[in-house]
Protein backbone atom coordinates (compact mmCIF):
# COMPACT_ATOMS: atom_id res chain seq x y z
CA MET A 1 32.89 -47.13 -0.75
CA SER A 2 35.58 -47.74 -3.39
CA GLU A 3 39.26 -47.95 -2.51
CA THR A 4 39.95 -44.68 -4.36
CA THR A 5 37.12 -42.87 -2.55
CA ALA A 6 38.35 -44.19 0.81
CA ARG A 7 41.87 -42.92 0.11
CA ASP A 8 40.55 -39.50 -0.94
CA THR A 9 38.41 -39.28 2.19
CA ALA A 10 41.33 -40.23 4.44
CA ALA A 11 43.61 -37.68 2.73
CA SER A 12 40.96 -34.95 3.09
CA LEU A 13 40.50 -35.69 6.80
CA GLU A 14 44.28 -35.75 7.27
CA ALA A 15 44.62 -32.31 5.68
CA ALA A 16 41.68 -30.97 7.73
CA ARG A 17 43.31 -32.09 10.97
CA ALA A 18 46.63 -30.57 9.95
CA VAL A 19 45.04 -27.19 9.19
CA ASP A 20 43.13 -27.17 12.47
CA ALA A 21 46.29 -28.05 14.41
CA ALA A 22 48.37 -25.37 12.65
CA LEU A 23 45.84 -22.58 13.20
CA ARG A 24 45.36 -23.63 16.82
CA GLU A 25 49.09 -23.59 17.47
CA ALA A 26 49.49 -20.19 15.75
CA GLY A 27 46.65 -18.64 17.74
CA GLY A 28 44.61 -17.94 14.61
CA GLY A 29 44.88 -17.44 10.87
CA ARG A 30 43.27 -18.16 7.48
CA VAL A 31 44.51 -21.11 5.47
CA ALA A 32 46.05 -20.43 2.04
CA ALA A 33 47.30 -23.86 0.94
CA VAL A 34 48.20 -27.36 2.13
CA ARG A 35 50.89 -29.48 0.50
CA ALA A 36 52.71 -32.71 1.24
CA ALA A 37 56.51 -32.63 1.63
CA TYR A 38 59.36 -34.66 3.05
CA GLU A 39 61.50 -33.53 5.96
CA PHE A 40 64.50 -35.64 7.00
CA GLY A 41 63.05 -38.61 5.16
CA ARG A 42 59.58 -38.47 6.73
CA ARG A 43 56.35 -37.30 5.16
CA VAL A 44 54.87 -34.06 6.57
CA LEU A 45 52.11 -31.64 5.65
CA VAL A 46 52.96 -27.97 5.18
CA VAL A 47 50.07 -25.62 5.98
CA GLN A 48 50.49 -22.12 4.55
CA PHE A 49 48.29 -19.48 6.19
CA VAL A 50 47.82 -15.74 6.68
CA ARG A 51 47.91 -14.36 10.21
CA GLY A 52 47.43 -10.59 10.35
CA SER A 53 50.23 -8.98 8.35
CA TRP A 54 52.28 -12.15 7.86
CA LEU A 55 52.27 -15.15 5.57
CA CYS A 56 53.32 -18.21 7.57
CA ALA A 57 53.94 -21.92 7.05
CA ALA A 58 53.45 -24.65 9.64
CA THR A 59 54.93 -28.13 9.39
CA VAL A 60 52.61 -30.81 10.77
CA ASP A 61 53.21 -34.52 11.40
CA PRO A 62 50.16 -36.13 9.70
CA GLU A 63 50.26 -39.19 11.96
CA THR A 64 50.36 -37.46 15.34
CA GLY A 65 48.99 -34.00 14.47
CA GLU A 66 52.02 -32.40 16.12
CA VAL A 67 53.04 -28.98 14.78
CA THR A 68 56.84 -29.18 14.58
CA SER A 69 57.54 -25.66 13.30
CA ILE A 70 55.94 -22.36 12.24
CA VAL A 71 57.97 -19.92 10.13
CA ASP A 72 57.26 -16.53 8.51
CA GLU A 73 57.30 -16.61 4.72
CA GLY A 74 56.79 -12.89 4.01
CA LEU A 75 54.08 -10.28 3.85
CA PRO A 76 50.65 -11.03 2.33
CA SER A 77 49.45 -9.10 -0.69
CA ALA A 78 47.00 -6.88 1.24
CA PRO A 79 47.62 -5.18 4.62
CA PRO A 80 44.89 -5.40 7.29
CA GLY A 81 42.51 -2.51 8.03
CA THR A 82 42.73 -0.38 11.13
CA ALA A 83 39.15 0.59 12.00
CA ALA A 84 36.25 -1.44 13.32
CA VAL A 85 33.74 0.64 15.29
CA ALA A 86 32.76 4.29 14.97
CA GLY A 87 31.58 6.77 17.57
CA PRO A 88 30.78 6.37 21.26
CA PRO A 89 28.42 3.58 22.38
CA VAL A 90 24.79 4.12 23.30
CA THR A 91 23.44 2.21 26.30
CA THR A 92 20.34 1.20 28.20
CA ARG A 93 19.69 -1.03 31.19
CA LEU A 94 17.13 -3.80 31.62
CA GLY A 95 17.25 -3.79 35.41
CA PHE A 96 18.08 -7.49 35.69
CA ARG A 97 21.45 -8.83 36.74
CA THR A 98 22.37 -10.74 33.60
CA VAL A 99 21.62 -10.60 29.90
CA TRP A 100 22.12 -14.22 28.83
CA ASP A 101 21.48 -13.92 25.11
CA ILE A 102 20.63 -11.27 22.52
CA ARG A 103 19.42 -11.67 18.94
CA ALA A 104 18.35 -9.09 16.36
CA ALA A 105 14.95 -9.53 14.71
CA ASP A 106 15.10 -10.44 11.01
CA ASP A 107 11.86 -8.69 10.08
CA ASP A 108 12.21 -5.43 12.08
CA PRO A 109 15.43 -3.38 11.66
CA GLY A 110 16.81 -2.06 14.93
CA LEU A 111 14.80 -4.46 17.12
CA VAL A 112 16.73 -6.71 19.53
CA TYR A 113 15.44 -9.44 21.85
CA ALA A 114 17.29 -10.07 25.11
CA ALA A 115 17.08 -13.17 27.32
CA THR A 116 16.95 -12.10 30.99
CA ASP A 117 16.58 -13.62 34.44
CA ALA A 118 12.81 -13.05 34.28
CA GLY A 119 11.83 -13.32 30.61
CA VAL A 120 12.46 -11.52 27.33
CA GLY A 121 13.42 -7.88 26.93
CA VAL A 122 12.51 -5.95 23.77
CA VAL A 123 15.06 -3.24 22.91
CA ARG A 124 15.20 -0.89 19.91
CA LEU A 125 17.82 1.34 18.31
CA ARG A 126 16.18 4.72 17.54
CA SER A 127 17.34 7.89 15.84
CA ASP A 128 15.88 11.21 16.99
CA ILE A 129 18.42 14.00 17.50
CA GLY A 130 20.97 11.24 18.02
CA TRP A 131 20.92 7.48 18.36
CA THR A 132 19.45 5.89 21.50
CA LEU A 133 18.94 2.34 22.75
CA THR A 134 15.45 2.09 24.26
CA VAL A 135 13.74 -0.67 26.25
CA GLU A 136 10.31 -0.98 24.64
CA ASP A 137 9.03 -3.80 26.82
CA HIS A 138 10.02 -6.60 29.13
CA HIS A 139 7.89 -9.74 28.90
CA THR A 140 7.89 -11.56 32.23
CA THR A 141 7.05 -15.18 31.47
CA GLY A 142 6.93 -16.75 34.93
CA PHE A 143 9.07 -19.60 33.59
CA GLY A 144 12.29 -18.57 35.32
CA ALA A 145 15.55 -17.47 33.72
CA THR A 146 15.46 -17.32 29.93
CA ARG A 147 18.83 -18.42 28.51
CA GLN A 148 18.22 -18.41 24.72
CA VAL A 149 16.13 -16.30 22.37
CA VAL A 150 15.45 -17.00 18.69
CA PRO A 151 13.63 -14.34 16.62
CA VAL A 152 10.94 -15.77 14.34
CA PRO A 153 8.36 -13.94 12.18
CA GLY A 154 5.94 -12.12 14.47
CA GLY A 155 7.71 -12.90 17.73
CA VAL A 156 10.40 -14.87 19.51
CA VAL A 157 11.09 -18.41 20.74
CA GLY A 158 12.85 -18.74 24.08
CA GLY A 159 14.52 -21.48 26.12
CA THR A 160 14.86 -21.56 29.90
CA ALA A 161 17.39 -22.97 32.35
CA ASP A 162 14.85 -25.47 33.70
CA GLY A 163 14.11 -27.10 30.33
CA ARG A 164 11.18 -25.14 28.90
CA VAL A 165 10.82 -23.85 25.34
CA PHE A 166 8.14 -21.26 24.58
CA ARG A 167 6.96 -18.80 21.96
CA LEU A 168 5.87 -15.19 22.50
CA ASP A 169 4.10 -13.04 19.93
CA ALA A 170 4.97 -9.38 19.35
CA ALA A 171 2.75 -8.34 22.28
CA GLY A 172 4.39 -10.79 24.68
CA ARG A 173 1.51 -13.31 24.71
CA VAL A 174 2.51 -16.96 25.12
CA GLY A 175 1.64 -18.90 21.96
CA TRP A 176 2.85 -22.26 23.24
CA GLU A 177 5.08 -23.68 25.95
CA ILE A 178 6.54 -27.19 26.29
CA ARG A 179 9.06 -29.05 28.41
CA VAL A 180 11.98 -30.70 26.66
CA PRO A 181 13.81 -33.79 28.01
CA ALA A 182 16.96 -31.84 28.90
CA ALA A 183 17.80 -28.17 29.45
CA PRO A 184 18.54 -26.39 26.15
CA HIS A 185 22.12 -25.24 25.58
CA THR A 186 21.48 -23.22 22.39
CA ALA A 187 18.67 -22.75 19.90
CA THR A 188 18.36 -21.54 16.31
CA ALA A 189 15.73 -21.22 13.58
CA ASP A 190 15.78 -22.10 9.89
CA ALA A 191 15.93 -19.35 7.25
CA ALA A 192 12.13 -19.07 7.04
CA GLY A 193 11.66 -19.06 10.81
CA THR A 194 9.22 -21.97 10.66
CA ARG A 195 11.36 -24.57 12.45
CA VAL A 196 13.59 -24.38 15.52
CA LEU A 197 16.53 -26.62 16.48
CA VAL A 198 17.11 -26.87 20.23
CA ALA A 199 20.46 -28.37 21.26
CA THR A 200 20.20 -30.53 24.41
CA ASN A 201 21.93 -33.49 26.02
CA ALA A 202 19.13 -35.65 24.58
CA GLY A 203 20.00 -34.53 21.03
CA ALA A 204 18.95 -31.69 18.72
CA LEU A 205 15.18 -31.37 19.01
CA GLU A 206 13.37 -29.95 16.00
CA LEU A 207 10.13 -28.07 16.74
CA ASP A 208 7.51 -26.34 14.64
CA ALA A 209 8.06 -22.66 15.50
CA ARG A 210 4.36 -21.85 15.05
CA THR A 211 2.85 -24.63 17.18
CA GLY A 212 5.67 -26.13 19.25
CA GLN A 213 4.96 -29.55 17.72
CA PHE A 214 7.82 -32.04 17.94
CA LEU A 215 9.23 -32.76 14.46
CA GLY A 216 12.37 -34.82 15.03
CA LEU A 217 15.45 -35.65 17.09
CA PHE A 218 19.02 -35.63 15.73
CA GLY A 219 22.29 -36.97 17.15
CA GLY A 220 23.28 -37.72 20.73
CA PRO A 221 24.23 -35.10 23.33
CA VAL A 222 24.53 -31.82 21.40
CA ARG A 223 25.90 -28.46 22.54
CA ALA A 224 24.86 -26.42 19.47
CA ALA A 225 23.06 -26.98 16.15
CA ALA A 226 22.03 -25.13 12.98
CA TYR A 227 20.58 -25.62 9.48
CA LEU A 228 22.44 -25.65 6.19
CA SER A 229 20.72 -24.18 3.12
CA ASN A 230 20.04 -27.66 1.66
CA GLY A 231 18.13 -28.70 4.79
CA ASP A 232 20.95 -30.68 6.42
CA ARG A 233 21.55 -30.15 10.12
CA VAL A 234 24.95 -29.30 11.63
CA LEU A 235 25.47 -30.66 15.14
CA ALA A 236 28.32 -29.79 17.52
CA GLY A 237 28.93 -32.31 20.29
CA HIS A 238 30.40 -31.57 23.71
CA ARG A 239 33.77 -33.12 22.79
CA GLY A 240 34.09 -30.90 19.71
CA GLU A 241 32.98 -33.32 17.01
CA LEU A 242 31.05 -31.64 14.19
CA LEU A 243 28.44 -33.83 12.49
CA VAL A 244 26.33 -33.04 9.42
CA VAL A 245 23.17 -35.12 9.06
CA THR A 246 20.46 -35.24 6.39
CA PRO A 247 16.81 -34.38 7.15
CA ALA A 248 16.30 -38.13 7.60
CA GLY A 249 19.04 -38.18 10.25
CA GLN A 250 21.68 -39.99 8.17
CA PRO A 251 25.31 -38.90 8.78
CA ARG A 252 26.84 -37.10 5.77
CA TRP A 253 30.12 -35.67 7.12
CA CYS A 254 32.03 -35.62 10.39
CA LEU A 255 34.92 -33.48 11.63
CA PRO A 256 36.55 -34.32 14.98
CA GLN A 257 37.78 -31.03 16.50
CA GLY A 258 38.52 -31.87 20.11
CA GLU A 259 37.50 -28.41 21.38
CA PHE A 260 34.42 -27.60 23.44
CA PRO A 261 31.84 -25.57 21.45
CA GLU A 262 29.69 -22.78 22.90
CA ARG A 263 27.69 -21.49 19.90
CA LEU A 264 27.26 -22.34 16.24
CA TRP A 265 25.69 -20.61 13.26
CA VAL A 266 25.68 -20.87 9.46
CA HIS A 267 26.13 -18.04 6.93
CA ASP A 268 26.46 -18.62 3.17
CA ASP A 269 26.90 -22.32 4.04
CA ARG A 270 30.02 -21.53 6.07
CA VAL A 271 29.78 -22.97 9.57
CA TYR A 272 31.03 -20.78 12.43
CA VAL A 273 31.79 -22.42 15.78
CA ALA A 274 32.63 -20.29 18.83
CA GLY A 275 34.11 -22.00 21.85
CA GLU A 276 37.35 -23.33 23.24
CA GLY A 277 40.29 -21.85 21.35
CA GLY A 278 38.37 -19.03 19.64
CA LEU A 279 36.06 -18.79 16.64
CA LYS A 280 36.44 -21.16 13.68
CA GLU A 281 35.11 -20.92 10.12
CA ILE A 282 34.45 -24.35 8.62
CA VAL A 283 33.65 -25.45 5.07
CA VAL A 284 31.54 -28.62 5.11
CA GLY A 285 33.41 -31.44 3.39
CA GLU A 286 36.78 -29.74 3.85
CA GLY A 287 37.35 -28.54 7.41
CA VAL A 288 38.58 -25.46 9.27
CA VAL A 289 39.66 -22.64 6.94
CA ALA A 290 40.06 -19.80 9.48
CA ARG A 291 40.42 -19.26 13.22
CA TRP A 292 40.22 -16.04 15.24
CA SER A 293 41.71 -15.93 18.70
CA ALA A 294 42.82 -13.23 21.14
CA PRO A 295 46.04 -13.52 23.15
CA ALA A 296 45.54 -15.37 26.46
CA ALA A 297 41.80 -15.89 25.77
CA GLU A 298 41.03 -19.56 26.36
CA SER A 299 37.46 -19.53 25.08
CA VAL A 300 34.99 -17.48 23.06
CA GLU A 301 31.37 -17.65 24.22
CA SER A 302 29.89 -15.41 21.51
CA ALA A 303 31.05 -13.93 18.19
CA VAL A 304 29.82 -12.11 15.07
CA VAL A 305 31.14 -11.55 11.55
CA VAL A 306 30.15 -8.25 9.91
CA ASP A 307 31.48 -5.99 7.13
CA GLY A 308 34.96 -7.51 7.00
CA TRP A 309 35.37 -7.65 10.77
CA VAL A 310 35.10 -10.34 13.40
CA PHE A 311 34.18 -9.55 17.00
CA THR A 312 34.63 -12.13 19.75
CA CYS A 313 33.41 -12.11 23.33
CA ALA A 314 34.98 -14.11 26.16
CA GLY A 315 31.98 -14.24 28.46
CA GLY A 316 32.15 -11.73 31.29
CA THR A 317 35.66 -10.50 30.55
CA ARG A 318 36.69 -9.38 27.03
CA LEU A 319 35.35 -7.95 23.79
CA GLU A 320 37.91 -8.20 20.97
CA ARG A 321 38.17 -7.27 17.27
CA HIS A 322 39.84 -9.11 14.40
CA GLY A 323 40.16 -8.82 10.63
CA TYR A 324 38.04 -11.29 8.68
CA ALA A 325 40.22 -11.80 5.60
CA THR A 326 43.56 -12.14 7.40
CA ALA A 327 42.45 -13.27 10.88
CA GLY A 328 44.64 -10.50 12.29
CA TYR A 329 44.08 -9.50 15.92
CA HIS A 330 43.33 -5.77 16.40
CA GLY A 331 42.97 -5.58 20.16
CA PRO A 332 40.02 -4.93 22.48
CA VAL A 333 37.03 -2.89 21.35
CA PRO A 334 37.67 0.69 22.57
CA GLU A 335 35.38 2.13 25.24
CA ALA A 336 33.82 -1.27 25.83
CA TYR A 337 31.85 -1.61 29.07
CA ALA A 338 32.75 -4.18 31.71
CA ASN A 339 31.54 -7.78 31.86
CA PRO A 340 30.25 -8.39 28.30
CA GLU A 341 28.37 -11.69 28.18
CA VAL A 342 27.05 -11.97 24.61
CA ILE A 343 27.12 -9.99 21.33
CA ALA A 344 24.96 -9.70 18.22
CA VAL A 345 24.59 -7.53 15.12
CA ALA A 346 21.55 -5.34 14.51
CA ARG A 347 20.90 -3.03 11.55
CA ALA A 348 19.50 0.47 11.93
CA GLY A 349 19.87 3.53 9.71
CA ASP A 350 21.27 1.27 6.95
CA ARG A 351 24.28 0.55 9.14
CA PRO A 352 25.28 -2.50 11.18
CA TRP A 353 25.56 -2.07 14.94
CA LEU A 354 27.48 -4.22 17.39
CA VAL A 355 25.19 -4.85 20.36
CA ALA A 356 26.55 -6.29 23.60
CA GLY A 357 24.68 -7.67 26.60
CA HIS A 358 26.44 -7.43 29.96
CA ARG A 359 26.22 -9.38 33.20
CA ASP A 360 24.83 -6.43 35.15
CA GLY A 361 21.84 -5.94 32.84
CA LEU A 362 23.47 -3.25 30.68
CA LEU A 363 23.11 -3.28 26.89
CA SER A 364 25.51 -1.24 24.74
CA ALA A 365 25.56 -0.63 20.98
CA ARG A 366 27.84 1.12 18.52
CA GLN A 367 28.09 1.43 14.75
CA VAL A 368 30.46 -0.88 12.91
């Protein structure tokens, strides 16, 4: 690495840390600019960001990461919206105490898979006279509590609390089942649904989604993982470090965050990490560009971004709404049912729906 490249890399990491610190201290926001300045003879970084209806600037000590001040600089050019969800929710109940995970099928609009204490529930949004949420089936696997579900073409891949990963077809038949070296924390599939990344304390295990064949192992202890469009893997460690590795396992970029991650996904090559401190949007090679956080909420276990809105779920307690462009906080989702555990987005009737799974087995859905 040349001296110039090393300096550029150090400056980029310094700016990334300053932005992350400023947005954390402010409780959320979307970065607008970062510039170097001098304050009382010392060098500082000034992070300008939008937070709801205000344009703000934070002064950050680049050596310590301390945020020394945050001031309002005026109104942004566009005010935030005021709506998020429409109409009363529709509900159904799976009859099991907890819905641990829910994911919408990519190849079947309105179909949602739910991880339950006994297996995998199959739920569909239907429109007759009005919209209903209907349990079509519940596949009891005999493997114990299912904690993760990953829709793939023609079925679903699941992970259990005791360290099993399995695949079910559309009829609920087991295609394959294996044991992994450590219990899976999260799981995700690539865009084609042919490979699955399972995040465990042994690393991110890559499996063939059709056969269950082991394809590779990435990183050390991993809490969450996902694929970038170029085939690179994004790994989130338990201490908050974000690592991007090539298909050969070579490190390409690292971002130390220092906050515990719960879930991670990639959309349009933006990385979204939900966990301690809220939901963060990250540009690979740059760093955190936005953070959404609700007042007094210490952690976000699940989140979605849809149609200019961000919804966050603090497991078992709160379901909140935020503006995407300005990171403004818009309060709790109205008429939300108690104890939401996880959220996802499904599409039915050419509209997105916010679907929530609750600790008492309830599922609720409403149009966004």
